[in-house]
Amino acid sequence: MRILIVIALGVLLSACTGTVTPDTSSSEGVTCVDPRPQVCTMEYNPVCVVLSDGSSKLYSSPCNACADDAVKNYLPGACLVEKQIRSKW
């Protein structure tokens, strides 16, 4: 019984190590690829995304950005408008 539990735990933990490799070939930033992430860690690594309607939005991390189906691609760092607003404070 213990061996079965250890094997099951090993299988579950190995499923947590999968990573999504972004497509960096786009000239407009990093393109989100399928399959999209379903669970992301709580990290702060801001990215500026381009949504499917052409607008931009700030996300806390690349994983959170690509988890949203409306996101086409992203650039590292805050959006330009966001940076301009913060510099005025």
N, C-alpha and C. Protein backbone atom coordinates (compact mmCIF):
# COMPACT_ATOMS: atom_id res chain seq x y z
N MET A 1 0.82 -1.19 0.00
CA MET A 1 0.00 0.00 0.00
C MET A 1 0.87 1.27 0.00
N ARG A 2 1.95 1.24 0.78
CA ARG A 2 2.84 2.41 0.83
C ARG A 2 3.50 2.66 -0.52
N ILE A 3 3.85 1.58 -1.18
CA ILE A 3 4.50 1.72 -2.49
C ILE A 3 3.54 2.38 -3.48
N LEU A 4 2.29 2.00 -3.44
CA LEU A 4 1.28 2.59 -4.32
C LEU A 4 1.12 4.08 -4.05
N ILE A 5 1.13 4.47 -2.79
CA ILE A 5 1.01 5.89 -2.43
C ILE A 5 2.23 6.66 -2.92
N VAL A 6 3.42 6.11 -2.76
CA VAL A 6 4.64 6.77 -3.21
C VAL A 6 4.64 6.93 -4.73
N ILE A 7 4.21 5.91 -5.44
CA ILE A 7 4.14 5.98 -6.91
C ILE A 7 3.12 7.03 -7.34
N ALA A 8 1.96 7.04 -6.71
CA ALA A 8 0.92 8.02 -7.05
C ALA A 8 1.41 9.44 -6.76
N LEU A 9 2.09 9.64 -5.64
CA LEU A 9 2.63 10.96 -5.30
C LEU A 9 3.69 11.39 -6.31
N GLY A 10 4.53 10.46 -6.73
CA GLY A 10 5.55 10.77 -7.74
C GLY A 10 4.94 11.19 -9.06
N VAL A 11 3.89 10.50 -9.47
CA VAL A 11 3.21 10.85 -10.72
C VAL A 11 2.58 12.24 -10.61
N LEU A 12 1.94 12.52 -9.50
CA LEU A 12 1.31 13.83 -9.32
C LEU A 12 2.34 14.95 -9.31
N LEU A 13 3.45 14.76 -8.62
CA LEU A 13 4.48 15.80 -8.57
C LEU A 13 5.17 15.99 -9.91
N SER A 14 5.33 14.94 -10.67
CA SER A 14 5.98 15.09 -11.98
C SER A 14 5.08 15.87 -12.94
N ALA A 15 3.78 15.84 -12.74
CA ALA A 15 2.86 16.61 -13.58
C ALA A 15 2.99 18.09 -13.33
N CYS A 16 3.49 18.49 -12.18
CA CYS A 16 3.64 19.91 -11.82
C CYS A 16 4.87 20.54 -12.45
N THR A 17 5.74 19.76 -13.04
CA THR A 17 6.99 20.31 -13.56
C THR A 17 6.90 20.72 -15.03
N GLY A 18 5.77 20.55 -15.67
CA GLY A 18 5.64 20.92 -17.08
C GLY A 18 5.73 22.42 -17.26
N THR A 19 6.37 22.85 -18.34
CA THR A 19 6.48 24.27 -18.63
C THR A 19 5.99 24.54 -20.04
N VAL A 20 5.53 25.75 -20.25
CA VAL A 20 5.09 26.17 -21.57
C VAL A 20 6.20 27.02 -22.16
N THR A 21 6.71 26.65 -23.31
CA THR A 21 7.76 27.40 -23.96
C THR A 21 7.13 28.39 -24.93
N PRO A 22 7.31 29.69 -24.69
CA PRO A 22 6.70 30.68 -25.57
C PRO A 22 7.39 30.73 -26.93
N ASP A 23 6.65 31.14 -27.92
CA ASP A 23 7.18 31.32 -29.27
C ASP A 23 7.76 32.72 -29.35
N THR A 24 9.06 32.84 -29.49
CA THR A 24 9.71 34.15 -29.50
C THR A 24 10.01 34.64 -30.91
N SER A 25 9.43 34.01 -31.92
CA SER A 25 9.74 34.38 -33.29
C SER A 25 8.98 35.62 -33.76
N SER A 26 7.99 36.07 -33.01
CA SER A 26 7.20 37.23 -33.42
C SER A 26 7.98 38.52 -33.23
N SER A 27 7.89 39.44 -34.19
CA SER A 27 8.56 40.73 -34.06
C SER A 27 7.81 41.66 -33.12
N GLU A 28 6.60 41.29 -32.76
CA GLU A 28 5.79 42.12 -31.87
C GLU A 28 5.82 41.61 -30.44
N GLY A 29 6.82 40.85 -30.06
CA GLY A 29 6.92 40.33 -28.71
C GLY A 29 6.83 38.82 -28.70
N VAL A 30 6.56 38.29 -27.54
CA VAL A 30 6.48 36.85 -27.34
C VAL A 30 5.04 36.40 -27.59
N THR A 31 4.85 35.44 -28.46
CA THR A 31 3.53 34.93 -28.78
C THR A 31 3.16 33.79 -27.85
N CYS A 32 1.96 33.84 -27.30
CA CYS A 32 1.46 32.77 -26.44
C CYS A 32 1.11 31.56 -27.31
N VAL A 33 1.50 30.38 -26.87
CA VAL A 33 1.26 29.17 -27.64
C VAL A 33 0.33 28.23 -26.88
N ASP A 34 -0.31 27.34 -27.62
CA ASP A 34 -1.18 26.34 -27.02
C ASP A 34 -0.35 25.12 -26.65
N PRO A 35 -0.66 24.43 -25.60
CA PRO A 35 -1.79 24.66 -24.71
C PRO A 35 -1.51 25.83 -23.76
N ARG A 36 -2.52 26.61 -23.49
CA ARG A 36 -2.41 27.74 -22.58
C ARG A 36 -2.31 27.24 -21.15
N PRO A 37 -1.56 27.96 -20.29
CA PRO A 37 -1.46 27.54 -18.89
C PRO A 37 -2.81 27.63 -18.18
N GLN A 38 -3.04 26.70 -17.26
CA GLN A 38 -4.27 26.71 -16.48
C GLN A 38 -4.02 27.12 -15.04
N VAL A 39 -2.78 26.96 -14.57
CA VAL A 39 -2.40 27.34 -13.21
C VAL A 39 -1.07 28.08 -13.28
N CYS A 40 -0.97 29.22 -12.59
CA CYS A 40 0.26 30.01 -12.58
C CYS A 40 0.71 30.25 -11.15
N THR A 41 2.01 30.44 -10.97
CA THR A 41 2.54 30.77 -9.66
C THR A 41 2.29 32.25 -9.36
N MET A 42 2.39 32.61 -8.11
CA MET A 42 2.16 33.99 -7.69
C MET A 42 3.48 34.77 -7.76
N GLU A 43 3.93 35.08 -8.95
CA GLU A 43 5.15 35.85 -9.12
C GLU A 43 4.81 37.21 -9.73
N TYR A 44 5.64 38.21 -9.48
CA TYR A 44 5.43 39.51 -10.11
C TYR A 44 6.56 39.74 -11.09
N ASN A 45 6.23 39.60 -12.35
CA ASN A 45 7.15 39.79 -13.46
C ASN A 45 6.32 40.44 -14.56
N PRO A 46 6.01 41.75 -14.43
CA PRO A 46 5.01 42.39 -15.29
C PRO A 46 5.31 42.31 -16.78
N VAL A 47 4.23 42.15 -17.54
CA VAL A 47 4.32 42.13 -19.00
C VAL A 47 3.18 42.97 -19.56
N CYS A 48 3.45 43.59 -20.70
CA CYS A 48 2.45 44.36 -21.41
C CYS A 48 1.93 43.48 -22.55
N VAL A 49 0.63 43.23 -22.57
CA VAL A 49 0.07 42.32 -23.56
C VAL A 49 -0.70 43.07 -24.64
N VAL A 50 -0.81 42.44 -25.79
CA VAL A 50 -1.66 42.92 -26.87
C VAL A 50 -2.84 41.95 -26.93
N LEU A 51 -4.04 42.49 -26.73
CA LEU A 51 -5.24 41.67 -26.75
C LEU A 51 -5.73 41.47 -28.18
N SER A 52 -6.62 40.54 -28.38
CA SER A 52 -7.11 40.23 -29.73
C SER A 52 -7.84 41.41 -30.37
N ASP A 53 -8.36 42.35 -29.55
CA ASP A 53 -9.04 43.53 -30.11
C ASP A 53 -8.07 44.67 -30.40
N GLY A 54 -6.76 44.45 -30.17
CA GLY A 54 -5.75 45.46 -30.46
C GLY A 54 -5.37 46.34 -29.28
N SER A 55 -6.10 46.27 -28.18
CA SER A 55 -5.78 47.08 -27.01
C SER A 55 -4.66 46.43 -26.22
N SER A 56 -4.10 47.18 -25.26
CA SER A 56 -3.03 46.63 -24.43
C SER A 56 -3.46 46.63 -22.97
N LYS A 57 -2.82 45.75 -22.18
CA LYS A 57 -3.17 45.60 -20.78
C LYS A 57 -1.95 45.08 -20.03
N LEU A 58 -1.82 45.45 -18.78
CA LEU A 58 -0.71 44.99 -17.95
C LEU A 58 -1.12 43.73 -17.19
N TYR A 59 -0.28 42.68 -17.25
CA TYR A 59 -0.50 41.46 -16.48
C TYR A 59 0.68 41.27 -15.54
N SER A 60 0.46 40.55 -14.45
CA SER A 60 1.51 40.39 -13.44
C SER A 60 2.62 39.44 -13.85
N SER A 61 2.38 38.55 -14.80
CA SER A 61 3.42 37.62 -15.25
C SER A 61 3.08 37.09 -16.63
N PRO A 62 4.07 36.56 -17.33
CA PRO A 62 3.79 35.97 -18.64
C PRO A 62 2.80 34.81 -18.55
N CYS A 63 2.87 34.03 -17.49
CA CYS A 63 1.96 32.90 -17.33
C CYS A 63 0.52 33.40 -17.21
N ASN A 64 0.29 34.41 -16.36
CA ASN A 64 -1.06 34.95 -16.21
C ASN A 64 -1.56 35.56 -17.51
N ALA A 65 -0.66 36.17 -18.26
CA ALA A 65 -1.05 36.77 -19.53
C ALA A 65 -1.49 35.69 -20.52
N CYS A 66 -0.69 34.66 -20.68
CA CYS A 66 -1.01 33.62 -21.66
C CYS A 66 -2.17 32.73 -21.23
N ALA A 67 -2.53 32.76 -19.97
CA ALA A 67 -3.70 32.00 -19.51
C ALA A 67 -4.99 32.61 -20.04
N ASP A 68 -4.95 33.88 -20.42
CA ASP A 68 -6.13 34.58 -20.96
C ASP A 68 -6.18 34.35 -22.47
N ASP A 69 -7.27 33.78 -22.95
CA ASP A 69 -7.41 33.48 -24.38
C ASP A 69 -7.42 34.72 -25.26
N ALA A 70 -7.72 35.89 -24.68
CA ALA A 70 -7.77 37.12 -25.46
C ALA A 70 -6.38 37.69 -25.75
N VAL A 71 -5.34 37.15 -25.11
CA VAL A 71 -3.98 37.65 -25.29
C VAL A 71 -3.34 37.01 -26.51
N LYS A 72 -2.82 37.85 -27.40
CA LYS A 72 -2.11 37.36 -28.59
C LYS A 72 -0.63 37.23 -28.30
N ASN A 73 -0.02 38.29 -27.77
CA ASN A 73 1.40 38.28 -27.45
C ASN A 73 1.70 39.28 -26.35
N TYR A 74 2.94 39.28 -25.87
CA TYR A 74 3.30 40.19 -24.79
C TYR A 74 4.76 40.63 -24.92
N LEU A 75 5.04 41.75 -24.25
CA LEU A 75 6.40 42.28 -24.15
C LEU A 75 6.76 42.37 -22.67
N PRO A 76 8.00 42.06 -22.30
CA PRO A 76 8.40 42.16 -20.90
C PRO A 76 8.31 43.62 -20.42
N GLY A 77 7.93 43.81 -19.16
CA GLY A 77 7.86 45.14 -18.57
C GLY A 77 6.47 45.74 -18.66
N ALA A 78 6.32 46.88 -17.99
CA ALA A 78 5.04 47.57 -17.97
C ALA A 78 4.75 48.21 -19.32
N CYS A 79 3.47 48.46 -19.58
CA CYS A 79 3.07 49.12 -20.83
C CYS A 79 3.57 50.55 -20.83
N LEU A 80 3.81 51.10 -22.01
CA LEU A 80 4.36 52.45 -22.15
C LEU A 80 3.48 53.48 -21.46
N VAL A 81 2.17 53.41 -21.63
CA VAL A 81 1.25 54.36 -21.00
C VAL A 81 1.36 54.25 -19.49
N GLU A 82 1.46 53.05 -18.98
CA GLU A 82 1.60 52.80 -17.55
C GLU A 82 2.89 53.44 -17.02
N LYS A 83 3.98 53.30 -17.79
CA LYS A 83 5.26 53.89 -17.37
C LYS A 83 5.16 55.41 -17.34
N GLN A 84 4.49 56.01 -18.33
CA GLN A 84 4.36 57.45 -18.38
C GLN A 84 3.55 57.97 -17.21
N ILE A 85 2.49 57.27 -16.84
CA ILE A 85 1.65 57.69 -15.72
C ILE A 85 2.46 57.62 -14.42
N ARG A 86 3.18 56.54 -14.21
CA ARG A 86 3.97 56.37 -12.98
C ARG A 86 5.08 57.40 -12.89
N SER A 87 5.66 57.82 -14.00
CA SER A 87 6.77 58.79 -13.95
C SER A 87 6.26 60.17 -13.56
N LYS A 88 4.97 60.46 -13.73
CA LYS A 88 4.42 61.76 -13.36
C LYS A 88 4.14 61.85 -11.86
N TRP A 89 4.12 60.72 -11.16
CA TRP A 89 3.83 60.76 -9.73
C TRP A 89 5.00 61.21 -8.97
